[in-house]
C-alpha atoms as a PDB file:
ATOM      1  CA  UNK A   1      -6.450  22.903 -47.537  1.00  0.00           C
ATOM      2  CA  UNK A   2      -2.871  21.817 -46.684  1.00  0.00           C
ATOM      3  CA  UNK A   3      -2.404  21.418 -42.945  1.00  0.00           C
ATOM      4  CA  UNK A   4       0.360  24.013 -43.017  1.00  0.00           C
ATOM      5  CA  UNK A   5      -2.252  26.621 -44.004  1.00  0.00           C
ATOM      6  CA  UNK A   6      -4.612  25.878 -41.115  1.00  0.00           C
ATOM      7  CA  UNK A   7      -5.131  28.663 -38.582  1.00  0.00           C
ATOM      8  CA  UNK A   8      -3.018  28.503 -35.437  1.00  0.00           C
ATOM      9  CA  UNK A   9      -6.113  28.013 -33.286  1.00  0.00           C
ATOM     10  CA  UNK A  10      -7.123  24.923 -35.298  1.00  0.00           C
ATOM     11  CA  UNK A  11      -3.636  23.428 -35.126  1.00  0.00           C
ATOM     12  CA  UNK A  12      -3.518  24.008 -31.391  1.00  0.00           C
ATOM     13  CA  UNK A  13      -6.856  22.264 -30.931  1.00  0.00           C
ATOM     14  CA  UNK A  14      -5.568  19.281 -32.933  1.00  0.00           C
ATOM     15  CA  UNK A  15      -2.436  19.185 -30.777  1.00  0.00           C
ATOM     16  CA  UNK A  16      -4.534  19.152 -27.612  1.00  0.00           C
ATOM     17  CA  UNK A  17      -6.564  16.198 -28.898  1.00  0.00           C
ATOM     18  CA  UNK A  18      -3.339  14.388 -29.816  1.00  0.00           C
ATOM     19  CA  UNK A  19      -1.745  14.653 -26.375  1.00  0.00           C
ATOM     20  CA  UNK A  20      -4.948  13.948 -24.439  1.00  0.00           C
ATOM     21  CA  UNK A  21      -5.299  10.406 -23.154  1.00  0.00           C
ATOM     22  CA  UNK A  22      -5.636   8.152 -20.145  1.00  0.00           C
ATOM     23  CA  UNK A  23      -2.759   6.735 -18.069  1.00  0.00           C
ATOM     24  CA  UNK A  24      -3.157   3.325 -19.705  1.00  0.00           C
ATOM     25  CA  UNK A  25      -2.494   4.676 -23.185  1.00  0.00           C
ATOM     26  CA  UNK A  26       1.167   4.211 -24.146  1.00  0.00           C
ATOM     27  CA  UNK A  27       1.346   7.326 -26.288  1.00  0.00           C
ATOM     28  CA  UNK A  28      -0.114  10.520 -24.931  1.00  0.00           C
ATOM     29  CA  UNK A  29       1.000  13.566 -22.980  1.00  0.00           C
ATOM     30  CA  UNK A  30       4.587  14.640 -23.532  1.00  0.00           C
ATOM     31  CA  UNK A  31       5.335  11.473 -25.539  1.00  0.00           C
ATOM     32  CA  UNK A  32       3.269  13.097 -28.290  1.00  0.00           C
ATOM     33  CA  UNK A  33       4.117  16.711 -27.506  1.00  0.00           C
ATOM     34  CA  UNK A  34       7.839  16.228 -28.155  1.00  0.00           C
ATOM     35  CA  UNK A  35       7.420  14.908 -31.740  1.00  0.00           C
ATOM     36  CA  UNK A  36       4.891  17.669 -32.465  1.00  0.00           C
ATOM     37  CA  UNK A  37       7.411  20.311 -31.417  1.00  0.00           C
ATOM     38  CA  UNK A  38      10.024  18.876 -33.818  1.00  0.00           C
ATOM     39  CA  UNK A  39       8.008  18.818 -37.065  1.00  0.00           C
ATOM     40  CA  UNK A  40       8.711  22.340 -38.276  1.00  0.00           C
ATOM     41  CA  UNK A  41       9.474  25.809 -36.992  1.00  0.00           C
ATOM     42  CA  UNK A  42       5.834  26.903 -36.928  1.00  0.00           C
ATOM     43  CA  UNK A  43       4.644  23.820 -35.058  1.00  0.00           C
ATOM     44  CA  UNK A  44       7.495  24.179 -32.602  1.00  0.00           C
ATOM     45  CA  UNK A  45       6.578  27.797 -31.923  1.00  0.00           C
ATOM     46  CA  UNK A  46       2.913  26.847 -31.340  1.00  0.00           C
ATOM     47  CA  UNK A  47       3.800  23.908 -29.073  1.00  0.00           C
ATOM     48  CA  UNK A  48       6.304  25.823 -26.969  1.00  0.00           C
ATOM     49  CA  UNK A  49       3.836  28.657 -26.539  1.00  0.00           C
ATOM     50  CA  UNK A  50       1.135  26.322 -25.152  1.00  0.00           C
ATOM     51  CA  UNK A  51       1.907  25.166 -21.552  1.00  0.00           C
ATOM     52  CA  UNK A  52      -1.186  22.913 -21.561  1.00  0.00           C
ATOM     53  CA  UNK A  53       0.601  20.527 -23.977  1.00  0.00           C
ATOM     54  CA  UNK A  54       3.303  19.869 -21.382  1.00  0.00           C
ATOM     55  CA  UNK A  55       1.459  19.267 -18.114  1.00  0.00           C
ATOM     56  CA  UNK A  56       1.051  15.481 -18.645  1.00  0.00           C
ATOM     57  CA  UNK A  57       4.571  14.209 -18.080  1.00  0.00           C
ATOM     58  CA  UNK A  58       5.506  10.982 -19.915  1.00  0.00           C
ATOM     59  CA  UNK A  59       8.945   9.683 -20.780  1.00  0.00           C
ATOM     60  CA  UNK A  60       9.958   8.826 -24.362  1.00  0.00           C
ATOM     61  CA  UNK A  61      12.397   6.136 -23.244  1.00  0.00           C
ATOM     62  CA  UNK A  62      10.864   3.949 -20.548  1.00  0.00           C
ATOM     63  CA  UNK A  63      14.124   2.171 -19.675  1.00  0.00           C
ATOM     64  CA  UNK A  64      16.376   5.209 -19.221  1.00  0.00           C
ATOM     65  CA  UNK A  65      14.879   7.091 -16.309  1.00  0.00           C
ATOM     66  CA  UNK A  66      18.265   7.983 -14.865  1.00  0.00           C
ATOM     67  CA  UNK A  67      19.058  10.014 -17.990  1.00  0.00           C
ATOM     68  CA  UNK A  68      15.641  11.631 -18.373  1.00  0.00           C
ATOM     69  CA  UNK A  69      16.022  14.312 -15.742  1.00  0.00           C
ATOM     70  CA  UNK A  70      17.067  16.716 -18.515  1.00  0.00           C
ATOM     71  CA  UNK A  71      13.819  15.912 -20.319  1.00  0.00           C
ATOM     72  CA  UNK A  72      11.918  16.545 -17.103  1.00  0.00           C
ATOM     73  CA  UNK A  73      13.667  19.917 -16.726  1.00  0.00           C
ATOM     74  CA  UNK A  74      12.551  20.819 -20.239  1.00  0.00           C
ATOM     75  CA  UNK A  75       8.974  19.718 -19.588  1.00  0.00           C
ATOM     76  CA  UNK A  76       8.775  21.687 -16.344  1.00  0.00           C
ATOM     77  CA  UNK A  77      10.005  24.796 -18.109  1.00  0.00           C
ATOM     78  CA  UNK A  78       7.511  24.407 -20.961  1.00  0.00           C
ATOM     79  CA  UNK A  79       4.558  23.709 -18.639  1.00  0.00           C
ATOM     80  CA  UNK A  80       5.348  26.894 -16.699  1.00  0.00           C
ATOM     81  CA  UNK A  81       3.108  27.066 -13.638  1.00  0.00           C
ATOM     82  CA  UNK A  82       0.409  24.547 -14.642  1.00  0.00           C
ATOM     83  CA  UNK A  83      -0.522  21.684 -12.339  1.00  0.00           C
ATOM     84  CA  UNK A  84       1.067  18.414 -13.433  1.00  0.00           C
ATOM     85  CA  UNK A  85       0.093  14.832 -14.114  1.00  0.00           C
ATOM     86  CA  UNK A  86       3.027  12.408 -13.993  1.00  0.00           C
ATOM     87  CA  UNK A  87       2.918   8.865 -15.378  1.00  0.00           C
ATOM     88  CA  UNK A  88       5.798   6.453 -15.084  1.00  0.00           C
ATOM     89  CA  UNK A  89       5.860   2.705 -15.498  1.00  0.00           C
ATOM     90  CA  UNK A  90       8.804   0.339 -15.500  1.00  0.00           C
ATOM     91  CA  UNK A  91       9.370  -3.414 -15.415  1.00  0.00           C
ATOM     92  CA  UNK A  92      12.915  -4.678 -14.818  1.00  0.00           C
ATOM     93  CA  UNK A  93      14.331  -6.859 -17.608  1.00  0.00           C
ATOM     94  CA  UNK A  94      14.723 -10.603 -17.196  1.00  0.00           C
ATOM     95  CA  UNK A  95      18.477 -10.272 -16.688  1.00  0.00           C
ATOM     96  CA  UNK A  96      17.877  -8.586 -13.329  1.00  0.00           C
ATOM     97  CA  UNK A  97      19.253  -5.203 -14.350  1.00  0.00           C
ATOM     98  CA  UNK A  98      17.814  -2.348 -12.306  1.00  0.00           C
ATOM     99  CA  UNK A  99      17.365   1.322 -13.080  1.00  0.00           C
ATOM    100  CA  UNK A 100      18.362   4.078 -10.688  1.00  0.00           C
ATOM    101  CA  UNK A 101      15.243   6.192 -10.194  1.00  0.00           C
ATOM    102  CA  UNK A 102      16.879   8.504  -7.647  1.00  0.00           C
ATOM    103  CA  UNK A 103      17.711  11.335 -10.099  1.00  0.00           C
ATOM    104  CA  UNK A 104      14.150  11.368 -11.391  1.00  0.00           C
ATOM    105  CA  UNK A 105      12.583  11.221  -7.935  1.00  0.00           C
ATOM    106  CA  UNK A 106      14.893  13.948  -6.628  1.00  0.00           C
ATOM    107  CA  UNK A 107      13.731  16.162  -9.465  1.00  0.00           C
ATOM    108  CA  UNK A 108      10.114  15.365  -8.613  1.00  0.00           C
ATOM    109  CA  UNK A 109      10.657  16.534  -5.043  1.00  0.00           C
ATOM    110  CA  UNK A 110      11.361  20.035  -6.324  1.00  0.00           C
ATOM    111  CA  UNK A 111       7.914  20.312  -7.923  1.00  0.00           C
ATOM    112  CA  UNK A 112       5.744  18.065  -5.724  1.00  0.00           C
ATOM    113  CA  UNK A 113       3.640  21.123  -4.902  1.00  0.00           C
ATOM    114  CA  UNK A 114       2.423  21.159  -8.544  1.00  0.00           C
ATOM    115  CA  UNK A 115       1.261  17.551  -8.941  1.00  0.00           C
ATOM    116  CA  UNK A 116      -2.477  16.968  -9.294  1.00  0.00           C
ATOM    117  CA  UNK A 117      -2.296  13.315 -10.443  1.00  0.00           C
ATOM    118  CA  UNK A 118       0.299  10.553 -10.141  1.00  0.00           C
ATOM    119  CA  UNK A 119       0.149   7.149 -11.848  1.00  0.00           C
ATOM    120  CA  UNK A 120       3.074   4.910 -10.875  1.00  0.00           C
ATOM    121  CA  UNK A 121       3.501   1.249 -11.848  1.00  0.00           C
ATOM    122  CA  UNK A 122       6.858   0.134 -10.499  1.00  0.00           C
ATOM    123  CA  UNK A 123       8.769  -2.844  -9.079  1.00  0.00           C
ATOM    124  CA  UNK A 124       9.444  -2.991  -5.363  1.00  0.00           C
ATOM    125  CA  UNK A 125      12.915  -1.410  -5.401  1.00  0.00           C
ATOM    126  CA  UNK A 126      11.576   1.699  -7.158  1.00  0.00           C
ATOM    127  CA  UNK A 127       8.345   1.797  -5.146  1.00  0.00           C
ATOM    128  CA  UNK A 128      10.415   1.947  -1.946  1.00  0.00           C
ATOM    129  CA  UNK A 129      12.060   5.153  -3.156  1.00  0.00           C
ATOM    130  CA  UNK A 130       8.757   6.596  -4.283  1.00  0.00           C
ATOM    131  CA  UNK A 131       6.993   5.737  -1.013  1.00  0.00           C
ATOM    132  CA  UNK A 132       9.675   7.648   0.871  1.00  0.00           C
ATOM    133  CA  UNK A 133       8.753  10.760  -1.114  1.00  0.00           C
ATOM    134  CA  UNK A 134       5.042  10.275  -0.432  1.00  0.00           C
ATOM    135  CA  UNK A 135       5.739   9.898   3.277  1.00  0.00           C
ATOM    136  CA  UNK A 136       7.966  12.935   3.732  1.00  0.00           C
ATOM    137  CA  UNK A 137       6.758  15.539   1.230  1.00  0.00           C
ATOM    138  CA  UNK A 138       3.540  17.539   1.102  1.00  0.00           C
ATOM    139  CA  UNK A 139       1.405  17.288  -2.059  1.00  0.00           C
ATOM    140  CA  UNK A 140      -1.083  20.151  -1.545  1.00  0.00           C
ATOM    141  CA  UNK A 141      -2.781  19.832  -4.972  1.00  0.00           C
ATOM    142  CA  UNK A 142      -2.731  16.044  -5.410  1.00  0.00           C
ATOM    143  CA  UNK A 143      -6.236  14.784  -6.212  1.00  0.00           C
ATOM    144  CA  UNK A 144      -5.628  11.434  -7.968  1.00  0.00           C
ATOM    145  CA  UNK A 145      -3.089   8.817  -6.840  1.00  0.00           C
ATOM    146  CA  UNK A 146      -2.802   5.431  -8.564  1.00  0.00           C
ATOM    147  CA  UNK A 147       0.139   3.273  -7.527  1.00  0.00           C
ATOM    148  CA  UNK A 148       0.849  -0.382  -8.272  1.00  0.00           C
ATOM    149  CA  UNK A 149       3.725  -2.710  -7.452  1.00  0.00           C
ATOM    150  CA  UNK A 150       4.211  -4.927 -10.501  1.00  0.00           C
ATOM    151  CA  UNK A 151       6.238  -7.806  -9.059  1.00  0.00           C
ATOM    152  CA  UNK A 152       5.558 -10.693  -6.680  1.00  0.00           C
ATOM    153  CA  UNK A 153       7.711  -9.427  -3.826  1.00  0.00           C
ATOM    154  CA  UNK A 154       6.395  -8.223  -0.457  1.00  0.00           C
ATOM    155  CA  UNK A 155       4.114  -5.207  -1.025  1.00  0.00           C
ATOM    156  CA  UNK A 156       5.634  -1.849  -0.143  1.00  0.00           C
ATOM    157  CA  UNK A 157       4.010   0.196   2.637  1.00  0.00           C
ATOM    158  CA  UNK A 158       2.882   3.613   1.421  1.00  0.00           C
ATOM    159  CA  UNK A 159       1.270   6.566   3.173  1.00  0.00           C
ATOM    160  CA  UNK A 160      -1.044   9.005   1.404  1.00  0.00           C
ATOM    161  CA  UNK A 161      -1.910  11.339   4.281  1.00  0.00           C
ATOM    162  CA  UNK A 162       0.380  14.133   3.047  1.00  0.00           C
ATOM    163  CA  UNK A 163      -2.156  14.898   0.321  1.00  0.00           C
ATOM    164  CA  UNK A 164      -5.012  16.786   2.024  1.00  0.00           C
ATOM    165  CA  UNK A 165      -7.051  17.139  -1.211  1.00  0.00           C
ATOM    166  CA  UNK A 166      -6.759  13.507  -2.303  1.00  0.00           C
ATOM    167  CA  UNK A 167     -10.069  12.376  -3.794  1.00  0.00           C
ATOM    168  CA  UNK A 168      -9.236   9.236  -5.809  1.00  0.00           C
ATOM    169  CA  UNK A 169      -6.943   6.548  -4.405  1.00  0.00           C
ATOM    170  CA  UNK A 170      -6.207   3.301  -6.269  1.00  0.00           C
ATOM    171  CA  UNK A 171      -3.799   0.742  -4.849  1.00  0.00           C
ATOM    172  CA  UNK A 172      -2.607  -2.520  -6.408  1.00  0.00           C
ATOM    173  CA  UNK A 173      -0.384  -4.855  -4.415  1.00  0.00           C
ATOM    174  CA  UNK A 174       0.317  -2.014  -1.958  1.00  0.00           C
ATOM    175  CA  UNK A 175       0.023  -1.881   1.841  1.00  0.00           C
ATOM    176  CA  UNK A 176      -0.998   1.344   3.549  1.00  0.00           C
ATOM    177  CA  UNK A 177       1.084   2.573   6.469  1.00  0.00           C
ATOM    178  CA  UNK A 178       0.941   5.436   8.938  1.00  0.00           C
ATOM    179  CA  UNK A 179       2.963   8.622   8.877  1.00  0.00           C
ATOM    180  CA  UNK A 180       3.737   8.857  12.592  1.00  0.00           C
ATOM    181  CA  UNK A 181       4.276  12.602  12.425  1.00  0.00           C
ATOM    182  CA  UNK A 182       0.551  13.144  11.851  1.00  0.00           C
ATOM    183  CA  UNK A 183      -2.505  12.426  13.981  1.00  0.00           C
ATOM    184  CA  UNK A 184      -5.719  10.864  12.704  1.00  0.00           C
ATOM    185  CA  UNK A 185      -9.350  10.683  13.701  1.00  0.00           C
ATOM    186  CA  UNK A 186      -9.704   7.371  11.910  1.00  0.00           C
ATOM    187  CA  UNK A 187      -7.150   4.584  11.814  1.00  0.00           C
ATOM    188  CA  UNK A 188      -7.006   1.618   9.502  1.00  0.00           C
ATOM    189  CA  UNK A 189      -5.018  -1.270  10.906  1.00  0.00           C
ATOM    190  CA  UNK A 190      -2.853  -3.623   8.915  1.00  0.00           C
ATOM    191  CA  UNK A 191      -1.203  -5.958  11.389  1.00  0.00           C
ATOM    192  CA  UNK A 192      -0.693  -3.154  13.892  1.00  0.00           C
ATOM    193  CA  UNK A 193       0.187  -0.453  11.351  1.00  0.00           C
ATOM    194  CA  UNK A 194      -2.299   2.388  11.003  1.00  0.00           C
ATOM    195  CA  UNK A 195      -3.137   5.126   8.537  1.00  0.00           C
ATOM    196  CA  UNK A 196      -5.757   7.883   8.549  1.00  0.00           C
ATOM    197  CA  UNK A 197      -8.505   8.277   5.992  1.00  0.00           C
ATOM    198  CA  UNK A 198      -8.724  11.598   4.212  1.00  0.00           C
ATOM    199  CA  UNK A 199     -11.984  13.487   4.631  1.00  0.00           C
ATOM    200  CA  UNK A 200     -11.996  14.351   0.911  1.00  0.00           C
ATOM    201  CA  UNK A 201     -11.474  10.767  -0.299  1.00  0.00           C
ATOM    202  CA  UNK A 202     -14.466   9.834  -2.461  1.00  0.00           C
ATOM    203  CA  UNK A 203     -13.163   6.953  -4.632  1.00  0.00           C
ATOM    204  CA  UNK A 204     -11.145   4.085  -3.145  1.00  0.00           C
ATOM    205  CA  UNK A 205      -9.978   0.975  -5.034  1.00  0.00           C
ATOM    206  CA  UNK A 206      -7.835  -1.716  -3.410  1.00  0.00           C
ATOM    207  CA  UNK A 207      -6.633  -4.675  -5.480  1.00  0.00           C
ATOM    208  CA  UNK A 208      -4.588  -7.628  -4.206  1.00  0.00           C
ATOM    209  CA  UNK A 209      -3.894  -5.921  -0.895  1.00  0.00           C
ATOM    210  CA  UNK A 210      -5.017  -6.222   2.733  1.00  0.00           C
ATOM    211  CA  UNK A 211      -8.365  -4.613   3.432  1.00  0.00           C
ATOM    212  CA  UNK A 212      -8.510  -2.162   6.315  1.00  0.00           C
ATOM    213  CA  UNK A 213     -10.151  -2.253   9.722  1.00  0.00           C
ATOM    214  CA  UNK A 214     -11.538   1.123  10.708  1.00  0.00           C
ATOM    215  CA  UNK A 215     -12.107   1.996  14.341  1.00  0.00           C
ATOM    216  CA  UNK A 216     -13.654   5.077  15.880  1.00  0.00           C
ATOM    217  CA  UNK A 217     -11.579   7.437  17.979  1.00  0.00           C
ATOM    218  CA  UNK A 218     -14.008  10.221  18.857  1.00  0.00           C
ATOM    219  CA  UNK A 219     -17.435   8.636  18.545  1.00  0.00           C
ATOM    220  CA  UNK A 220     -19.430   7.807  15.416  1.00  0.00           C
ATOM    221  CA  UNK A 221     -17.727   8.780  12.199  1.00  0.00           C
ATOM    222  CA  UNK A 222     -19.056   9.569   8.735  1.00  0.00           C
ATOM    223  CA  UNK A 223     -16.753   9.403   5.708  1.00  0.00           C
ATOM    224  CA  UNK A 224     -17.310  10.829   2.243  1.00  0.00           C
ATOM    225  CA  UNK A 225     -16.685   7.742   0.089  1.00  0.00           C
ATOM    226  CA  UNK A 226     -18.895   7.598  -3.011  1.00  0.00           C
ATOM    227  CA  UNK A 227     -17.244   4.615  -4.713  1.00  0.00           C
ATOM    228  CA  UNK A 228     -15.573   1.633  -3.049  1.00  0.00           C
ATOM    229  CA  UNK A 229     -13.974  -1.273  -4.936  1.00  0.00           C
ATOM    230  CA  UNK A 230     -12.174  -4.145  -3.219  1.00  0.00           C
ATOM    231  CA  UNK A 231     -10.907  -6.623  -5.819  1.00  0.00           C
ATOM    232  CA  UNK A 232      -9.292 -10.038  -5.884  1.00  0.00           C
ATOM    233  CA  UNK A 233      -9.231 -10.562  -2.150  1.00  0.00           C
ATOM    234  CA  UNK A 234      -7.998 -14.099  -1.670  1.00  0.00           C
ATOM    235  CA  UNK A 235      -6.606 -14.510   1.845  1.00  0.00           C
ATOM    236  CA  UNK A 236      -9.054 -15.739   4.476  1.00  0.00           C
ATOM    237  CA  UNK A 237      -7.509 -13.857   7.397  1.00  0.00           C
ATOM    238  CA  UNK A 238      -8.232 -10.537   5.660  1.00  0.00           C
ATOM    239  CA  UNK A 239     -11.948 -11.196   5.454  1.00  0.00           C
ATOM    240  CA  UNK A 240     -12.836 -10.051   8.946  1.00  0.00           C
ATOM    241  CA  UNK A 241     -10.903  -6.841   8.350  1.00  0.00           C
ATOM    242  CA  UNK A 242     -12.968  -6.233   5.250  1.00  0.00           C
ATOM    243  CA  UNK A 243     -16.132  -6.845   7.246  1.00  0.00           C
ATOM    244  CA  UNK A 244     -15.084  -4.281   9.832  1.00  0.00           C
ATOM    245  CA  UNK A 245     -14.278  -1.817   7.071  1.00  0.00           C
ATOM    246  CA  UNK A 246     -17.765  -2.111   5.618  1.00  0.00           C
ATOM    247  CA  UNK A 247     -19.810  -2.031   8.814  1.00  0.00           C
ATOM    248  CA  UNK A 248     -18.007  -0.066  11.527  1.00  0.00           C
ATOM    249  CA  UNK A 249     -18.882   3.455  10.378  1.00  0.00           C
ATOM    250  CA  UNK A 250     -21.428   5.338   8.287  1.00  0.00           C
ATOM    251  CA  UNK A 251     -20.998   5.858   4.544  1.00  0.00           C
ATOM    252  CA  UNK A 252     -24.091   7.913   3.711  1.00  0.00           C
ATOM    253  CA  UNK A 253     -22.731   9.075   0.336  1.00  0.00           C
ATOM    254  CA  UNK A 254     -21.636   5.671  -0.993  1.00  0.00           C
ATOM    255  CA  UNK A 255     -23.241   5.063  -4.405  1.00  0.00           C
ATOM    256  CA  UNK A 256     -21.126   2.224  -5.859  1.00  0.00           C
ATOM    257  CA  UNK A 257     -19.823  -0.876  -4.090  1.00  0.00           C
ATOM    258  CA  UNK A 258     -17.854  -3.698  -5.714  1.00  0.00           C
ATOM    259  CA  UNK A 259     -16.526  -6.732  -3.856  1.00  0.00           C
ATOM    260  CA  UNK A 260     -14.549  -9.529  -5.485  1.00  0.00           C
ATOM    261  CA  UNK A 261     -13.644 -12.575  -3.394  1.00  0.00           C
ATOM    262  CA  UNK A 262     -11.438 -15.263  -4.927  1.00  0.00           C
ATOM    263  CA  UNK A 263     -11.211 -17.566  -1.905  1.00  0.00           C
ATOM    264  CA  UNK A 264     -13.965 -20.186  -2.157  1.00  0.00           C
ATOM    265  CA  UNK A 265     -13.326 -21.306   1.448  1.00  0.00           C
ATOM    266  CA  UNK A 266     -13.965 -17.860   2.889  1.00  0.00           C
ATOM    267  CA  UNK A 267     -16.658 -17.368   5.525  1.00  0.00           C
ATOM    268  CA  UNK A 268     -16.861 -13.687   4.694  1.00  0.00           C
ATOM    269  CA  UNK A 269     -20.156 -13.860   2.823  1.00  0.00           C
ATOM    270  CA  UNK A 270     -22.141 -15.133   5.816  1.00  0.00           C
ATOM    271  CA  UNK A 271     -20.414 -12.627   8.112  1.00  0.00           C
ATOM    272  CA  UNK A 272     -21.278  -9.737   5.803  1.00  0.00           C
ATOM    273  CA  UNK A 273     -24.944 -10.726   5.480  1.00  0.00           C
ATOM    274  CA  UNK A 274     -25.283 -10.922   9.268  1.00  0.00           C
ATOM    275  CA  UNK A 275     -23.467  -7.624   9.816  1.00  0.00           C
ATOM    276  CA  UNK A 276     -25.809  -5.638   7.584  1.00  0.00           C
ATOM    277  CA  UNK A 277     -28.697  -5.925  10.026  1.00  0.00           C
ATOM    278  CA  UNK A 278     -29.180  -2.210  10.909  1.00  0.00           C
ATOM    279  CA  UNK A 279     -31.547  -0.548   8.387  1.00  0.00           C
ATOM    280  CA  UNK A 280     -30.220   1.980   5.875  1.00  0.00           C
ATOM    281  CA  UNK A 281     -26.535   1.228   6.420  1.00  0.00           C
ATOM    282  CA  UNK A 282     -25.935   2.535   2.902  1.00  0.00           C
ATOM    283  CA  UNK A 283     -28.871   4.876   2.218  1.00  0.00           C
ATOM    284  CA  UNK A 284     -27.429   6.266  -1.051  1.00  0.00           C
ATOM    285  CA  UNK A 285     -26.114   3.009  -2.515  1.00  0.00           C
ATOM    286  CA  UNK A 286     -27.314   2.658  -6.124  1.00  0.00           C
ATOM    287  CA  UNK A 287     -25.082  -0.021  -7.681  1.00  0.00           C
ATOM    288  CA  UNK A 288     -23.608  -3.197  -6.169  1.00  0.00           C
ATOM    289  CA  UNK A 289     -21.402  -5.788  -7.863  1.00  0.00           C
ATOM    290  CA  UNK A 290     -20.513  -9.028  -6.071  1.00  0.00           C
ATOM    291  CA  UNK A 291     -18.086 -11.604  -7.484  1.00  0.00           C
ATOM    292  CA  UNK A 292     -17.620 -14.975  -5.837  1.00  0.00           C
ATOM    293  CA  UNK A 293     -19.627 -14.221  -2.691  1.00  0.00           C
ATOM    294  CA  UNK A 294     -22.056 -16.805  -1.404  1.00  0.00           C
ATOM    295  CA  UNK A 295     -25.599 -15.573  -0.771  1.00  0.00           C
ATOM    296  CA  UNK A 296     -26.509 -18.594   1.314  1.00  0.00           C
ATOM    297  CA  UNK A 297     -28.278 -17.500   4.492  1.00  0.00           C
ATOM    298  CA  UNK A 298     -29.298 -14.092   3.188  1.00  0.00           C
ATOM    299  CA  UNK A 299     -32.125 -12.434   5.171  1.00  0.00           C
ATOM    300  CA  UNK A 300     -34.443  -9.452   4.577  1.00  0.00           C
ATOM    301  CA  UNK A 301     -32.119  -7.363   6.758  1.00  0.00           C
ATOM    302  CA  UNK A 302     -29.623  -7.334   3.904  1.00  0.00           C
ATOM    303  CA  UNK A 303     -32.205  -5.718   1.612  1.00  0.00           C
ATOM    304  CA  UNK A 304     -33.245  -3.228   4.283  1.00  0.00           C
ATOM    305  CA  UNK A 305     -29.615  -2.069   4.494  1.00  0.00           C
ATOM    306  CA  UNK A 306     -29.628  -0.984   0.827  1.00  0.00           C
ATOM    307  CA  UNK A 307     -33.046   0.661   0.340  1.00  0.00           C
ATOM    308  CA  UNK A 308     -32.055   2.750  -2.709  1.00  0.00           C
ATOM    309  CA  UNK A 309     -30.366  -0.052  -4.687  1.00  0.00           C
ATOM    310  CA  UNK A 310     -31.139   0.243  -8.421  1.00  0.00           C
ATOM    311  CA  UNK A 311     -28.581  -2.050 -10.098  1.00  0.00           C
ATOM    312  CA  UNK A 312     -27.313  -5.404  -8.811  1.00  0.00           C
ATOM    313  CA  UNK A 313     -24.607  -7.382 -10.631  1.00  0.00           C
ATOM    314  CA  UNK A 314     -23.796 -10.934  -9.519  1.00  0.00           C
ATOM    315  CA  UNK A 315     -20.850 -12.827 -11.036  1.00  0.00           C
ATOM    316  CA  UNK A 316     -19.766 -16.425 -10.382  1.00  0.00           C
ATOM    317  CA  UNK A 317     -22.272 -17.063  -7.612  1.00  0.00           C
ATOM    318  CA  UNK A 318     -25.628 -18.717  -7.068  1.00  0.00           C
ATOM    319  CA  UNK A 319     -28.350 -16.024  -7.014  1.00  0.00           C
ATOM    320  CA  UNK A 320     -31.212 -18.321  -5.986  1.00  0.00           C
ATOM    321  CA  UNK A 321     -31.220 -17.396  -2.243  1.00  0.00           C
ATOM    322  CA  UNK A 322     -31.677 -13.704  -3.099  1.00  0.00           C
ATOM    323  CA  UNK A 323     -34.159 -14.423  -5.894  1.00  0.00           C
ATOM    324  CA  UNK A 324     -36.270 -16.561  -3.570  1.00  0.00           C
ATOM    325  CA  UNK A 325     -36.190 -13.793  -0.975  1.00  0.00           C
ATOM    326  CA  UNK A 326     -37.390 -11.153  -3.440  1.00  0.00           C
ATOM    327  CA  UNK A 327     -40.145 -13.407  -4.754  1.00  0.00           C
ATOM    328  CA  UNK A 328     -41.392 -14.106  -1.234  1.00  0.00           C
ATOM    329  CA  UNK A 329     -41.574 -10.429  -0.273  1.00  0.00           C
ATOM    330  CA  UNK A 330     -42.298  -7.900  -3.033  1.00  0.00           C
ATOM    331  CA  UNK A 331     -41.612  -4.962  -0.680  1.00  0.00           C
ATOM    332  CA  UNK A 332     -37.871  -5.683  -0.588  1.00  0.00           C
ATOM    333  CA  UNK A 333     -35.519  -3.622  -2.774  1.00  0.00           C
ATOM    334  CA  UNK A 334     -38.334  -1.606  -4.310  1.00  0.00           C
ATOM    335  CA  UNK A 335     -35.862   0.609  -6.208  1.00  0.00           C
ATOM    336  CA  UNK A 336     -34.148  -2.353  -7.924  1.00  0.00           C
ATOM    337  CA  UNK A 337     -34.546  -1.985 -11.701  1.00  0.00           C
ATOM    338  CA  UNK A 338     -31.528  -3.766 -13.216  1.00  0.00           C
ATOM    339  CA  UNK A 339     -30.477  -7.251 -12.186  1.00  0.00           C
ATOM    340  CA  UNK A 340     -27.475  -8.744 -14.014  1.00  0.00           C
ATOM    341  CA  UNK A 341     -26.322 -12.328 -13.619  1.00  0.00           C
ATOM    342  CA  UNK A 342     -22.907 -13.088 -15.134  1.00  0.00           C
ATOM    343  CA  UNK A 343     -23.334 -10.171 -17.527  1.00  0.00           C
ATOM    344  CA  UNK A 344     -26.907 -10.961 -18.596  1.00  0.00           C
ATOM    345  CA  UNK A 345     -29.814  -8.675 -17.731  1.00  0.00           C
ATOM    346  CA  UNK A 346     -32.578 -10.459 -15.852  1.00  0.00           C
ATOM    347  CA  UNK A 347     -36.044  -9.327 -14.868  1.00  0.00           C
ATOM    348  CA  UNK A 348     -36.762  -8.029 -11.375  1.00  0.00           C
END
């Protein structure tokens, strides 16, 4: 059957599959929706009558953001009242030319109440403008925020506390800062700058950025994190902050923990093993991945702190201290079923 003869419902389902994709895919969302709407009159009518095809905002021309506000106006009209996902990525050319993002960001301000996900990979000059929006506008529906600074300049300070429903936060080469107009029960310090932690935050990933110190304000605190990933930490003076982050409050819901340390001279490993002395620090922890951490000096207390551990992945480190510990005492880590060493499954 020629595709032109397919029922409208079937065509619409095909269109939905075509525009669906992840933020890392170069062609998805409105980058696909626009060509679909220009094939023929029937396809255009179907596309324009389906707001769900227009709620993932991508830009056809990645280097002309200052002229794409008209495209954004068209997308906003076609998406009607649906919540929005916005994806924008830009790397300045070698000649040093810069793009003025202000028109685009000003347009975003008008609809910030509709965003449910934002993925932004930008150089410092653009991230500064974007961070100003995050710090001064309310994003009531924002659930997923992934921001990365893609140059080697000083990381921009960004606040995320204006998003009360934020559940997934991923930062690359970004420093958190505090919105001074808001109070917080928890503060995370970065050289004297503080930011609160959202109660709804369940997935936190920090890459190439300072790790936080958390301190209690009103007694013992429990946070809702289920997944915590701290990658490519390479500066020694951040290690103690990371230690404080992991041991100064309860994370009873944490199920996945990944730590990646690049600094071979770090003393963090020994500090972490000593700090995990209290039993059941992470009672729900099921999966742990360590990269580059030394297990020298490990004690049974470390195993007591993770009683429900089922999967352990060790990369670029010597596992013999832990293996010797488990062989000497068969009651440790009774739930452990999967033990991977540099990607290879080993027996318990």
